[in-house]
């Protein structure tokens, strides 16, 4: 990998500061000092601190844009072996979340969502609403295929997904960094929970 451009350095330093101090408590002056450039030079790359945040949030959604997409192969797998479907999806997400930038953006969202309306709306849409809609559709298909009992699919989705969010929050509370072994533990526990949930409602 080649040397980072100035814009990439601004992005990385801003993400680090935002994820540790919060967006509100980080100034353009602090970002410029950490990058090693004049404050005015920031504006050659970003029009404002808000523009940096917008770029960071856009990066997050771009990483996940294909993750919840419909896929014929995955549809077939869901019908044949629901637990293998979950396992393959989980493994793909595990590799994605080991990306340090993604974890820092998660931290930024979690610490800032009570102070910033834009981030609160982003959290609701991209971390709650869209994944819950996806998992509700998965449980709906499992009910239609008579793999599981005819229960409320949205409630099942919430039961499944809430535990994963709890584990993610636990990592952020207990660690300043993002140790790989903790991420692996998260996914092992989440997979055990998914199996428990599936077996509890399986026909």
N, C-alpha and C. Protein backbone atom coordinates (compact mmCIF):
# COMPACT_ATOMS: atom_id res chain seq x y z
N UNK A 1 0.85 -1.19 0.00
CA UNK A 1 0.00 0.00 0.00
C UNK A 1 0.88 1.24 0.00
N UNK A 2 0.53 2.21 -0.88
CA UNK A 2 1.33 3.42 -0.98
C UNK A 2 1.07 4.37 0.17
N UNK A 3 1.80 5.47 0.15
CA UNK A 3 1.65 6.47 1.22
C UNK A 3 0.27 7.12 1.13
N UNK A 4 -0.31 7.40 2.29
CA UNK A 4 -1.63 8.00 2.33
C UNK A 4 -1.60 9.42 1.78
N UNK A 5 -2.66 9.81 1.09
CA UNK A 5 -2.80 11.19 0.65
C UNK A 5 -3.18 12.04 1.86
N UNK A 6 -3.08 13.34 1.70
CA UNK A 6 -3.45 14.24 2.80
C UNK A 6 -4.91 14.06 3.18
N UNK A 7 -5.78 13.91 2.19
CA UNK A 7 -7.21 13.71 2.48
C UNK A 7 -7.42 12.43 3.27
N UNK A 8 -6.72 11.36 2.91
CA UNK A 8 -6.84 10.09 3.64
C UNK A 8 -6.35 10.23 5.08
N UNK A 9 -5.27 11.02 5.26
CA UNK A 9 -4.77 11.26 6.62
C UNK A 9 -5.78 12.05 7.44
N UNK A 10 -6.39 13.04 6.82
CA UNK A 10 -7.42 13.82 7.51
C UNK A 10 -8.58 12.91 7.92
N UNK A 11 -9.00 12.05 7.02
CA UNK A 11 -10.08 11.10 7.30
C UNK A 11 -9.72 10.22 8.49
N UNK A 12 -8.53 9.60 8.43
CA UNK A 12 -8.13 8.65 9.48
C UNK A 12 -7.96 9.33 10.84
N UNK A 13 -7.32 10.50 10.85
CA UNK A 13 -7.13 11.23 12.11
C UNK A 13 -8.47 11.69 12.68
N UNK A 14 -9.34 12.19 11.81
CA UNK A 14 -10.67 12.63 12.26
C UNK A 14 -11.45 11.47 12.85
N UNK A 15 -11.42 10.32 12.18
CA UNK A 15 -12.13 9.15 12.69
C UNK A 15 -11.59 8.73 14.05
N UNK A 16 -10.28 8.75 14.20
CA UNK A 16 -9.66 8.38 15.48
C UNK A 16 -10.12 9.35 16.58
N UNK A 17 -10.06 10.64 16.30
CA UNK A 17 -10.45 11.64 17.30
C UNK A 17 -11.95 11.60 17.59
N UNK A 18 -12.76 11.48 16.54
CA UNK A 18 -14.21 11.42 16.73
C UNK A 18 -14.59 10.20 17.55
N UNK A 19 -13.92 9.07 17.30
CA UNK A 19 -14.29 7.82 17.98
C UNK A 19 -13.81 7.79 19.43
N UNK A 20 -12.82 8.64 19.76
CA UNK A 20 -12.32 8.69 21.14
C UNK A 20 -12.93 9.85 21.93
N UNK A 21 -13.03 11.02 21.29
CA UNK A 21 -13.47 12.23 22.00
C UNK A 21 -14.91 12.62 21.67
N UNK A 22 -15.41 12.08 20.55
CA UNK A 22 -16.72 12.49 20.07
C UNK A 22 -16.59 13.58 19.01
N UNK A 23 -17.56 13.65 18.12
CA UNK A 23 -17.54 14.65 17.04
C UNK A 23 -17.60 16.06 17.61
N UNK A 24 -18.49 16.28 18.57
CA UNK A 24 -18.71 17.62 19.14
C UNK A 24 -17.45 18.15 19.81
N UNK A 25 -16.72 17.28 20.48
CA UNK A 25 -15.55 17.70 21.26
C UNK A 25 -14.24 17.74 20.47
N UNK A 26 -14.32 17.50 19.18
CA UNK A 26 -13.12 17.55 18.33
C UNK A 26 -13.20 18.78 17.44
N UNK A 27 -12.10 19.54 17.37
CA UNK A 27 -12.07 20.75 16.55
C UNK A 27 -11.24 20.53 15.29
N UNK A 28 -11.48 21.37 14.31
CA UNK A 28 -10.67 21.35 13.08
C UNK A 28 -9.20 21.60 13.43
N UNK A 29 -8.96 22.47 14.41
CA UNK A 29 -7.58 22.77 14.82
C UNK A 29 -6.89 21.51 15.33
N UNK A 30 -7.59 20.72 16.14
CA UNK A 30 -7.01 19.46 16.66
C UNK A 30 -6.71 18.49 15.53
N UNK A 31 -7.62 18.39 14.59
CA UNK A 31 -7.42 17.49 13.45
C UNK A 31 -6.18 17.91 12.67
N UNK A 32 -6.08 19.20 12.36
CA UNK A 32 -4.94 19.71 11.59
C UNK A 32 -3.62 19.46 12.33
N UNK A 33 -3.62 19.67 13.65
CA UNK A 33 -2.41 19.46 14.44
C UNK A 33 -1.96 18.00 14.39
N UNK A 34 -2.93 17.08 14.51
CA UNK A 34 -2.60 15.65 14.48
C UNK A 34 -2.14 15.19 13.09
N UNK A 35 -2.70 15.80 12.06
CA UNK A 35 -2.28 15.45 10.69
C UNK A 35 -0.92 16.05 10.38
N UNK A 36 -0.63 17.21 11.01
CA UNK A 36 0.64 17.89 10.75
C UNK A 36 0.55 18.90 9.63
N UNK A 37 -0.64 19.52 9.49
CA UNK A 37 -0.84 20.53 8.45
C UNK A 37 -1.46 21.77 9.08
N UNK A 38 -1.51 22.88 8.33
CA UNK A 38 -2.17 24.09 8.80
C UNK A 38 -3.68 23.88 8.81
N UNK A 39 -4.34 24.57 9.73
CA UNK A 39 -5.79 24.44 9.84
C UNK A 39 -6.48 24.79 8.52
N UNK A 40 -5.99 25.83 7.86
CA UNK A 40 -6.60 26.26 6.59
C UNK A 40 -6.47 25.20 5.50
N UNK A 41 -5.45 24.34 5.62
CA UNK A 41 -5.23 23.30 4.60
C UNK A 41 -6.32 22.23 4.61
N UNK A 42 -6.99 22.08 5.75
CA UNK A 42 -8.10 21.12 5.83
C UNK A 42 -9.14 21.44 4.76
N UNK A 43 -9.37 22.74 4.55
CA UNK A 43 -10.44 23.18 3.66
C UNK A 43 -10.11 22.98 2.18
N UNK A 44 -8.90 22.59 1.89
CA UNK A 44 -8.57 22.19 0.51
C UNK A 44 -9.17 20.82 0.18
N UNK A 45 -9.56 20.08 1.24
CA UNK A 45 -10.05 18.72 1.06
C UNK A 45 -11.48 18.53 1.56
N UNK A 46 -11.84 19.24 2.62
CA UNK A 46 -13.19 19.16 3.18
C UNK A 46 -13.69 20.56 3.46
N UNK A 47 -14.95 20.83 3.15
CA UNK A 47 -15.51 22.17 3.34
C UNK A 47 -15.76 22.50 4.81
N UNK A 48 -15.88 21.46 5.64
CA UNK A 48 -16.18 21.67 7.05
C UNK A 48 -15.94 20.38 7.84
N UNK A 49 -16.01 20.49 9.15
CA UNK A 49 -15.92 19.30 10.00
C UNK A 49 -17.10 18.37 9.71
N UNK A 50 -18.27 18.98 9.45
CA UNK A 50 -19.46 18.19 9.12
C UNK A 50 -19.24 17.36 7.86
N UNK A 51 -18.52 17.94 6.89
CA UNK A 51 -18.26 17.22 5.63
C UNK A 51 -17.38 15.99 5.88
N UNK A 52 -16.47 16.10 6.85
CA UNK A 52 -15.63 14.94 7.21
C UNK A 52 -16.51 13.85 7.81
N UNK A 53 -17.41 14.24 8.71
CA UNK A 53 -18.33 13.27 9.32
C UNK A 53 -19.20 12.61 8.26
N UNK A 54 -19.70 13.41 7.32
CA UNK A 54 -20.54 12.85 6.25
C UNK A 54 -19.77 11.81 5.45
N UNK A 55 -18.49 12.07 5.19
CA UNK A 55 -17.65 11.13 4.44
C UNK A 55 -17.45 9.84 5.24
N UNK A 56 -17.26 9.98 6.55
CA UNK A 56 -17.07 8.81 7.41
C UNK A 56 -18.33 7.94 7.42
N UNK A 57 -19.50 8.56 7.58
CA UNK A 57 -20.75 7.80 7.60
C UNK A 57 -21.05 7.17 6.24
N UNK A 58 -20.70 7.88 5.19
CA UNK A 58 -20.88 7.33 3.84
C UNK A 58 -19.99 6.11 3.62
N UNK A 59 -18.78 6.17 4.16
CA UNK A 59 -17.86 5.03 4.07
C UNK A 59 -18.47 3.81 4.76
N UNK A 60 -19.08 4.02 5.91
CA UNK A 60 -19.71 2.93 6.66
C UNK A 60 -20.82 2.28 5.83
N UNK A 61 -21.71 3.09 5.26
CA UNK A 61 -22.82 2.52 4.49
C UNK A 61 -22.32 1.82 3.23
N UNK A 62 -21.25 2.32 2.62
CA UNK A 62 -20.70 1.68 1.42
C UNK A 62 -20.15 0.29 1.74
N UNK A 63 -19.57 0.12 2.91
CA UNK A 63 -19.06 -1.20 3.32
C UNK A 63 -20.20 -2.21 3.43
N UNK A 64 -21.36 -1.73 3.87
CA UNK A 64 -22.46 -2.64 4.18
C UNK A 64 -23.52 -2.71 3.09
N UNK A 65 -23.33 -1.95 2.01
CA UNK A 65 -24.38 -1.86 1.00
C UNK A 65 -24.72 -3.20 0.37
N UNK A 66 -23.73 -4.08 0.21
CA UNK A 66 -23.98 -5.38 -0.39
C UNK A 66 -24.27 -6.46 0.64
N UNK A 67 -24.03 -6.14 1.90
CA UNK A 67 -24.13 -7.17 2.93
C UNK A 67 -25.55 -7.67 3.14
N UNK A 68 -26.53 -6.76 3.00
CA UNK A 68 -27.91 -7.14 3.21
C UNK A 68 -28.67 -7.30 1.89
N UNK A 69 -27.93 -7.36 0.79
CA UNK A 69 -28.57 -7.47 -0.52
C UNK A 69 -29.14 -8.86 -0.73
N UNK A 70 -30.17 -8.93 -1.58
CA UNK A 70 -30.75 -10.22 -1.94
C UNK A 70 -29.77 -10.98 -2.81
N UNK A 71 -29.69 -12.27 -2.61
CA UNK A 71 -28.76 -13.10 -3.37
C UNK A 71 -29.42 -14.46 -3.59
N UNK A 72 -29.55 -14.88 -4.86
CA UNK A 72 -30.25 -16.13 -5.19
C UNK A 72 -29.58 -17.32 -4.52
N UNK A 73 -28.25 -17.35 -4.53
CA UNK A 73 -27.52 -18.45 -3.92
C UNK A 73 -27.82 -18.54 -2.42
N UNK A 74 -27.86 -17.40 -1.76
CA UNK A 74 -28.16 -17.38 -0.34
C UNK A 74 -29.61 -17.76 -0.07
N UNK A 75 -30.51 -17.41 -1.00
CA UNK A 75 -31.91 -17.81 -0.88
C UNK A 75 -32.02 -19.34 -0.89
N UNK A 76 -31.30 -19.96 -1.82
CA UNK A 76 -31.32 -21.43 -1.91
C UNK A 76 -30.78 -22.06 -0.64
N UNK A 77 -29.69 -21.47 -0.13
CA UNK A 77 -29.07 -22.00 1.08
C UNK A 77 -30.00 -21.84 2.27
N UNK A 78 -30.70 -20.72 2.35
CA UNK A 78 -31.64 -20.49 3.44
C UNK A 78 -32.71 -21.58 3.47
N UNK A 79 -33.17 -21.98 2.28
CA UNK A 79 -34.21 -23.02 2.21
C UNK A 79 -33.67 -24.39 2.59
N UNK A 80 -32.43 -24.68 2.17
CA UNK A 80 -31.87 -26.02 2.41
C UNK A 80 -31.31 -26.19 3.82
N UNK A 81 -30.61 -25.17 4.31
CA UNK A 81 -29.95 -25.30 5.61
C UNK A 81 -29.87 -23.93 6.29
N UNK A 82 -30.90 -23.56 7.05
CA UNK A 82 -30.94 -22.22 7.67
C UNK A 82 -29.75 -21.90 8.55
N UNK A 83 -29.25 -22.89 9.30
CA UNK A 83 -28.11 -22.62 10.18
C UNK A 83 -26.83 -22.38 9.39
N UNK A 84 -26.66 -23.10 8.29
CA UNK A 84 -25.48 -22.86 7.44
C UNK A 84 -25.60 -21.49 6.77
N UNK A 85 -26.81 -21.11 6.39
CA UNK A 85 -27.06 -19.77 5.84
C UNK A 85 -26.59 -18.71 6.83
N UNK A 86 -27.02 -18.88 8.10
CA UNK A 86 -26.61 -17.92 9.12
C UNK A 86 -25.09 -17.93 9.30
N UNK A 87 -24.50 -19.12 9.36
CA UNK A 87 -23.07 -19.24 9.61
C UNK A 87 -22.26 -18.54 8.52
N UNK A 88 -22.63 -18.75 7.26
CA UNK A 88 -21.89 -18.13 6.15
C UNK A 88 -22.04 -16.61 6.18
N UNK A 89 -23.25 -16.14 6.47
CA UNK A 89 -23.44 -14.70 6.57
C UNK A 89 -22.67 -14.12 7.74
N UNK A 90 -22.66 -14.85 8.85
CA UNK A 90 -21.95 -14.41 10.04
C UNK A 90 -20.45 -14.32 9.80
N UNK A 91 -19.91 -15.32 9.09
CA UNK A 91 -18.47 -15.32 8.81
C UNK A 91 -18.08 -14.15 7.92
N UNK A 92 -18.94 -13.84 6.95
CA UNK A 92 -18.66 -12.70 6.08
C UNK A 92 -18.66 -11.40 6.87
N UNK A 93 -19.63 -11.27 7.79
CA UNK A 93 -19.73 -10.06 8.61
C UNK A 93 -18.57 -10.00 9.60
N UNK A 94 -18.13 -11.16 10.10
CA UNK A 94 -17.00 -11.19 11.03
C UNK A 94 -15.75 -10.60 10.39
N UNK A 95 -15.48 -11.00 9.15
CA UNK A 95 -14.30 -10.49 8.45
C UNK A 95 -14.42 -8.99 8.19
N UNK A 96 -15.63 -8.56 7.86
CA UNK A 96 -15.85 -7.14 7.59
C UNK A 96 -15.63 -6.30 8.84
N UNK A 97 -16.15 -6.79 9.97
CA UNK A 97 -16.08 -6.00 11.20
C UNK A 97 -14.68 -5.99 11.80
N UNK A 98 -13.80 -6.89 11.35
CA UNK A 98 -12.42 -6.85 11.81
C UNK A 98 -11.66 -5.68 11.18
N UNK A 99 -12.29 -5.01 10.22
CA UNK A 99 -11.72 -3.79 9.65
C UNK A 99 -11.74 -2.71 10.73
N UNK A 100 -10.57 -2.20 11.10
CA UNK A 100 -10.47 -1.26 12.22
C UNK A 100 -11.29 0.00 11.99
N UNK A 101 -11.36 0.45 10.74
CA UNK A 101 -12.15 1.65 10.45
C UNK A 101 -13.62 1.43 10.80
N UNK A 102 -14.14 0.27 10.44
CA UNK A 102 -15.54 -0.03 10.71
C UNK A 102 -15.81 -0.02 12.22
N UNK A 103 -14.91 -0.62 12.99
CA UNK A 103 -15.09 -0.66 14.43
C UNK A 103 -15.02 0.75 15.03
N UNK A 104 -14.14 1.59 14.51
CA UNK A 104 -14.05 2.96 15.01
C UNK A 104 -15.32 3.74 14.67
N UNK A 105 -15.88 3.48 13.49
CA UNK A 105 -17.12 4.17 13.13
C UNK A 105 -18.26 3.70 14.03
N UNK A 106 -18.30 2.40 14.32
CA UNK A 106 -19.29 1.90 15.28
C UNK A 106 -19.16 2.64 16.61
N UNK A 107 -17.93 2.76 17.10
CA UNK A 107 -17.71 3.44 18.39
C UNK A 107 -18.18 4.89 18.30
N UNK A 108 -17.82 5.57 17.23
CA UNK A 108 -18.24 6.96 17.03
C UNK A 108 -19.76 7.08 17.09
N UNK A 109 -20.45 6.18 16.40
CA UNK A 109 -21.91 6.22 16.37
C UNK A 109 -22.48 5.99 17.76
N UNK A 110 -21.94 5.00 18.47
CA UNK A 110 -22.47 4.67 19.79
C UNK A 110 -22.26 5.80 20.80
N UNK A 111 -21.11 6.48 20.74
CA UNK A 111 -20.86 7.52 21.75
C UNK A 111 -21.49 8.86 21.38
N UNK A 112 -21.82 9.05 20.10
CA UNK A 112 -22.29 10.37 19.67
C UNK A 112 -23.80 10.42 19.41
N UNK A 113 -24.47 9.27 19.39
CA UNK A 113 -25.87 9.26 18.94
C UNK A 113 -26.80 10.00 19.89
N UNK A 114 -26.39 10.22 21.14
CA UNK A 114 -27.23 10.96 22.07
C UNK A 114 -26.97 12.46 22.03
N UNK A 115 -25.97 12.86 21.25
CA UNK A 115 -25.60 14.28 21.19
C UNK A 115 -25.81 14.89 19.81
N UNK A 116 -26.07 14.07 18.81
CA UNK A 116 -26.13 14.56 17.45
C UNK A 116 -27.32 13.91 16.74
N UNK A 117 -28.27 14.73 16.29
CA UNK A 117 -29.48 14.21 15.66
C UNK A 117 -29.19 13.42 14.38
N UNK A 118 -28.21 13.89 13.60
CA UNK A 118 -27.86 13.20 12.36
C UNK A 118 -27.36 11.79 12.65
N UNK A 119 -26.50 11.66 13.66
CA UNK A 119 -25.96 10.35 14.00
C UNK A 119 -27.04 9.47 14.62
N UNK A 120 -27.94 10.06 15.40
CA UNK A 120 -29.06 9.30 15.97
C UNK A 120 -29.93 8.73 14.84
N UNK A 121 -30.21 9.55 13.84
CA UNK A 121 -31.01 9.09 12.70
C UNK A 121 -30.25 8.01 11.91
N UNK A 122 -28.94 8.19 11.77
CA UNK A 122 -28.11 7.21 11.06
C UNK A 122 -28.14 5.88 11.80
N UNK A 123 -27.99 5.93 13.12
CA UNK A 123 -28.03 4.72 13.94
C UNK A 123 -29.36 4.00 13.75
N UNK A 124 -30.44 4.76 13.85
CA UNK A 124 -31.77 4.16 13.74
C UNK A 124 -31.97 3.49 12.38
N UNK A 125 -31.55 4.17 11.31
CA UNK A 125 -31.78 3.64 9.96
C UNK A 125 -30.84 2.49 9.62
N UNK A 126 -29.53 2.71 9.79
CA UNK A 126 -28.54 1.76 9.26
C UNK A 126 -28.14 0.65 10.23
N UNK A 127 -28.31 0.88 11.52
CA UNK A 127 -27.88 -0.14 12.49
C UNK A 127 -29.07 -0.84 13.13
N UNK A 128 -30.23 -0.19 13.12
CA UNK A 128 -31.42 -0.84 13.66
C UNK A 128 -32.42 -1.21 12.56
N UNK A 129 -32.95 -0.22 11.88
CA UNK A 129 -34.08 -0.42 10.98
C UNK A 129 -33.78 -1.37 9.82
N UNK A 130 -32.71 -1.10 9.07
CA UNK A 130 -32.42 -1.91 7.88
C UNK A 130 -32.03 -3.35 8.23
N UNK A 131 -31.13 -3.58 9.22
CA UNK A 131 -30.85 -4.97 9.58
C UNK A 131 -32.08 -5.70 10.11
N UNK A 132 -32.92 -5.03 10.91
CA UNK A 132 -34.12 -5.68 11.42
C UNK A 132 -35.09 -6.03 10.30
N UNK A 133 -35.18 -5.16 9.30
CA UNK A 133 -36.02 -5.45 8.14
C UNK A 133 -35.51 -6.69 7.41
N UNK A 134 -34.18 -6.77 7.25
CA UNK A 134 -33.57 -7.93 6.58
C UNK A 134 -33.86 -9.21 7.36
N UNK A 135 -33.59 -9.19 8.69
CA UNK A 135 -33.77 -10.41 9.48
C UNK A 135 -35.24 -10.76 9.65
N UNK A 136 -36.13 -9.78 9.62
CA UNK A 136 -37.57 -10.09 9.62
C UNK A 136 -37.94 -10.85 8.36
N UNK A 137 -37.37 -10.43 7.22
CA UNK A 137 -37.64 -11.14 5.96
C UNK A 137 -37.09 -12.56 6.00
N UNK A 138 -35.93 -12.75 6.65
CA UNK A 138 -35.35 -14.09 6.78
C UNK A 138 -36.27 -14.99 7.60
N UNK A 139 -36.72 -14.50 8.76
CA UNK A 139 -37.60 -15.30 9.60
C UNK A 139 -38.95 -15.55 8.93
N UNK A 140 -39.41 -14.58 8.14
CA UNK A 140 -40.66 -14.77 7.38
C UNK A 140 -40.51 -15.92 6.41
N UNK A 141 -39.37 -15.98 5.72
CA UNK A 141 -39.13 -17.07 4.76
C UNK A 141 -39.02 -18.42 5.47
N UNK A 142 -38.40 -18.42 6.65
CA UNK A 142 -38.28 -19.66 7.41
C UNK A 142 -39.65 -20.17 7.84
N UNK A 143 -40.54 -19.24 8.18
CA UNK A 143 -41.91 -19.62 8.54
C UNK A 143 -42.65 -20.16 7.32
N UNK A 144 -42.50 -19.46 6.18
CA UNK A 144 -43.18 -19.88 4.95
C UNK A 144 -42.72 -21.26 4.49
N UNK A 145 -41.42 -21.55 4.70
CA UNK A 145 -40.87 -22.85 4.29
C UNK A 145 -41.10 -23.91 5.36
N UNK A 146 -41.78 -23.50 6.45
CA UNK A 146 -42.11 -24.41 7.55
C UNK A 146 -40.86 -25.02 8.22
N UNK A 147 -39.80 -24.20 8.28
CA UNK A 147 -38.62 -24.59 9.05
C UNK A 147 -38.83 -24.30 10.53
N UNK A 148 -39.60 -23.22 10.81
CA UNK A 148 -39.84 -22.82 12.19
C UNK A 148 -41.33 -22.59 12.40
N UNK A 149 -41.71 -22.45 13.68
CA UNK A 149 -43.12 -22.25 14.02
C UNK A 149 -43.63 -20.93 13.47
N UNK A 150 -44.94 -20.86 13.32
CA UNK A 150 -45.59 -19.66 12.78
C UNK A 150 -45.72 -18.62 13.89
N UNK A 151 -44.62 -17.91 14.14
CA UNK A 151 -44.56 -16.88 15.17
C UNK A 151 -44.36 -15.52 14.52
N UNK A 152 -44.35 -14.48 15.32
CA UNK A 152 -44.16 -13.13 14.81
C UNK A 152 -42.72 -12.98 14.30
N UNK A 153 -42.50 -12.83 12.97
CA UNK A 153 -41.12 -12.78 12.44
C UNK A 153 -40.34 -11.55 12.90
N UNK A 154 -41.04 -10.42 13.09
CA UNK A 154 -40.34 -9.22 13.56
C UNK A 154 -39.85 -9.40 15.00
N UNK A 155 -40.65 -10.05 15.82
CA UNK A 155 -40.24 -10.30 17.20
C UNK A 155 -39.04 -11.24 17.23
N UNK A 156 -39.05 -12.25 16.37
CA UNK A 156 -37.91 -13.17 16.30
C UNK A 156 -36.66 -12.42 15.84
N UNK A 157 -36.83 -11.53 14.87
CA UNK A 157 -35.69 -10.74 14.37
C UNK A 157 -35.11 -9.88 15.48
N UNK A 158 -35.99 -9.27 16.26
CA UNK A 158 -35.53 -8.42 17.37
C UNK A 158 -34.81 -9.26 18.44
N UNK A 159 -35.36 -10.42 18.74
CA UNK A 159 -34.74 -11.31 19.72
C UNK A 159 -33.35 -11.73 19.26
N UNK A 160 -33.24 -12.05 17.98
CA UNK A 160 -31.94 -12.46 17.42
C UNK A 160 -30.94 -11.30 17.41
N UNK A 161 -31.38 -10.16 16.85
CA UNK A 161 -30.45 -9.06 16.56
C UNK A 161 -30.05 -8.29 17.82
N UNK A 162 -30.96 -8.19 18.79
CA UNK A 162 -30.66 -7.43 20.01
C UNK A 162 -29.46 -8.01 20.75
N UNK A 163 -29.32 -9.33 20.72
CA UNK A 163 -28.21 -9.96 21.43
C UNK A 163 -26.87 -9.60 20.78
N UNK A 164 -26.85 -9.57 19.45
CA UNK A 164 -25.62 -9.21 18.73
C UNK A 164 -25.21 -7.77 19.04
N UNK A 165 -26.18 -6.86 19.09
CA UNK A 165 -25.89 -5.46 19.42
C UNK A 165 -25.38 -5.34 20.85
N UNK A 166 -25.97 -6.12 21.76
CA UNK A 166 -25.51 -6.14 23.16
C UNK A 166 -24.04 -6.55 23.23
N UNK A 167 -23.67 -7.60 22.50
CA UNK A 167 -22.28 -8.08 22.53
C UNK A 167 -21.32 -7.03 21.96
N UNK A 168 -21.76 -6.34 20.91
CA UNK A 168 -20.93 -5.30 20.31
C UNK A 168 -20.71 -4.15 21.29
N UNK A 169 -21.76 -3.74 21.96
CA UNK A 169 -21.63 -2.68 22.97
C UNK A 169 -20.70 -3.11 24.10
N UNK A 170 -20.77 -4.38 24.46
CA UNK A 170 -19.93 -4.91 25.54
C UNK A 170 -18.45 -4.78 25.17
N UNK A 171 -18.11 -5.05 23.92
CA UNK A 171 -16.72 -4.91 23.47
C UNK A 171 -16.26 -3.46 23.64
N UNK A 172 -17.10 -2.50 23.24
CA UNK A 172 -16.72 -1.09 23.32
C UNK A 172 -16.57 -0.62 24.75
N UNK A 173 -17.40 -1.13 25.64
CA UNK A 173 -17.33 -0.73 27.05
C UNK A 173 -16.08 -1.27 27.72
N UNK A 174 -15.70 -2.50 27.38
CA UNK A 174 -14.60 -3.18 28.07
C UNK A 174 -13.23 -2.99 27.43
N UNK A 175 -13.18 -2.44 26.20
CA UNK A 175 -11.90 -2.34 25.49
C UNK A 175 -11.74 -0.97 24.84
N UNK A 176 -10.53 -0.42 24.95
CA UNK A 176 -10.22 0.82 24.23
C UNK A 176 -9.80 0.53 22.80
N UNK A 177 -9.27 -0.66 22.57
CA UNK A 177 -8.91 -1.08 21.23
C UNK A 177 -9.91 -2.16 20.81
N UNK A 178 -9.63 -2.84 19.71
CA UNK A 178 -10.56 -3.84 19.19
C UNK A 178 -9.84 -5.16 19.00
N UNK A 179 -9.51 -5.85 20.12
CA UNK A 179 -8.75 -7.10 20.02
C UNK A 179 -9.50 -8.16 19.21
N UNK A 180 -8.74 -8.81 18.32
CA UNK A 180 -9.34 -9.79 17.42
C UNK A 180 -10.00 -10.92 18.19
N UNK A 181 -9.40 -11.32 19.31
CA UNK A 181 -9.97 -12.43 20.08
C UNK A 181 -11.33 -12.06 20.67
N UNK A 182 -11.54 -10.78 20.98
CA UNK A 182 -12.84 -10.35 21.49
C UNK A 182 -13.90 -10.36 20.39
N UNK A 183 -13.48 -9.96 19.20
CA UNK A 183 -14.41 -9.99 18.06
C UNK A 183 -14.80 -11.44 17.75
N UNK A 184 -13.81 -12.35 17.80
CA UNK A 184 -14.09 -13.77 17.56
C UNK A 184 -15.04 -14.31 18.64
N UNK A 185 -14.81 -13.89 19.89
CA UNK A 185 -15.70 -14.32 20.98
C UNK A 185 -17.12 -13.83 20.74
N UNK A 186 -17.24 -12.59 20.31
CA UNK A 186 -18.56 -12.02 20.02
C UNK A 186 -19.31 -12.89 19.02
N UNK A 187 -18.63 -13.26 17.93
CA UNK A 187 -19.31 -14.02 16.89
C UNK A 187 -19.60 -15.45 17.32
N UNK A 188 -18.74 -16.03 18.13
CA UNK A 188 -19.02 -17.38 18.64
C UNK A 188 -20.25 -17.37 19.55
N UNK A 189 -20.34 -16.35 20.40
CA UNK A 189 -21.50 -16.24 21.30
C UNK A 189 -22.76 -15.93 20.51
N UNK A 190 -22.64 -15.05 19.51
CA UNK A 190 -23.81 -14.70 18.69
C UNK A 190 -24.30 -15.93 17.92
N UNK A 191 -23.36 -16.74 17.43
CA UNK A 191 -23.76 -17.94 16.69
C UNK A 191 -24.41 -18.96 17.62
N UNK A 192 -23.90 -19.10 18.83
CA UNK A 192 -24.52 -20.01 19.81
C UNK A 192 -25.95 -19.54 20.12
N UNK A 193 -26.11 -18.23 20.25
CA UNK A 193 -27.44 -17.68 20.53
C UNK A 193 -28.38 -17.92 19.35
N UNK A 194 -27.88 -17.75 18.13
CA UNK A 194 -28.71 -17.98 16.94
C UNK A 194 -29.17 -19.44 16.87
N UNK A 195 -28.25 -20.37 17.17
CA UNK A 195 -28.60 -21.80 17.17
C UNK A 195 -29.65 -22.09 18.24
N UNK A 196 -29.46 -21.50 19.43
CA UNK A 196 -30.40 -21.68 20.52
C UNK A 196 -31.79 -21.18 20.11
N UNK A 197 -31.83 -19.98 19.52
CA UNK A 197 -33.11 -19.40 19.09
C UNK A 197 -33.77 -20.26 18.03
N UNK A 198 -32.99 -20.68 17.04
CA UNK A 198 -33.54 -21.49 15.94
C UNK A 198 -34.08 -22.82 16.46
N UNK A 199 -33.32 -23.47 17.32
CA UNK A 199 -33.75 -24.78 17.85
C UNK A 199 -34.99 -24.62 18.74
N UNK A 200 -35.15 -23.46 19.37
CA UNK A 200 -36.30 -23.22 20.24
C UNK A 200 -37.61 -23.12 19.46
N UNK A 201 -37.52 -22.69 18.20
CA UNK A 201 -38.75 -22.49 17.41
C UNK A 201 -38.83 -23.43 16.21
N UNK A 202 -37.86 -24.31 16.09
CA UNK A 202 -37.81 -25.23 14.95
C UNK A 202 -39.00 -26.20 14.97
N UNK A 203 -39.53 -26.50 13.81
CA UNK A 203 -40.60 -27.50 13.70
C UNK A 203 -40.01 -28.89 13.61
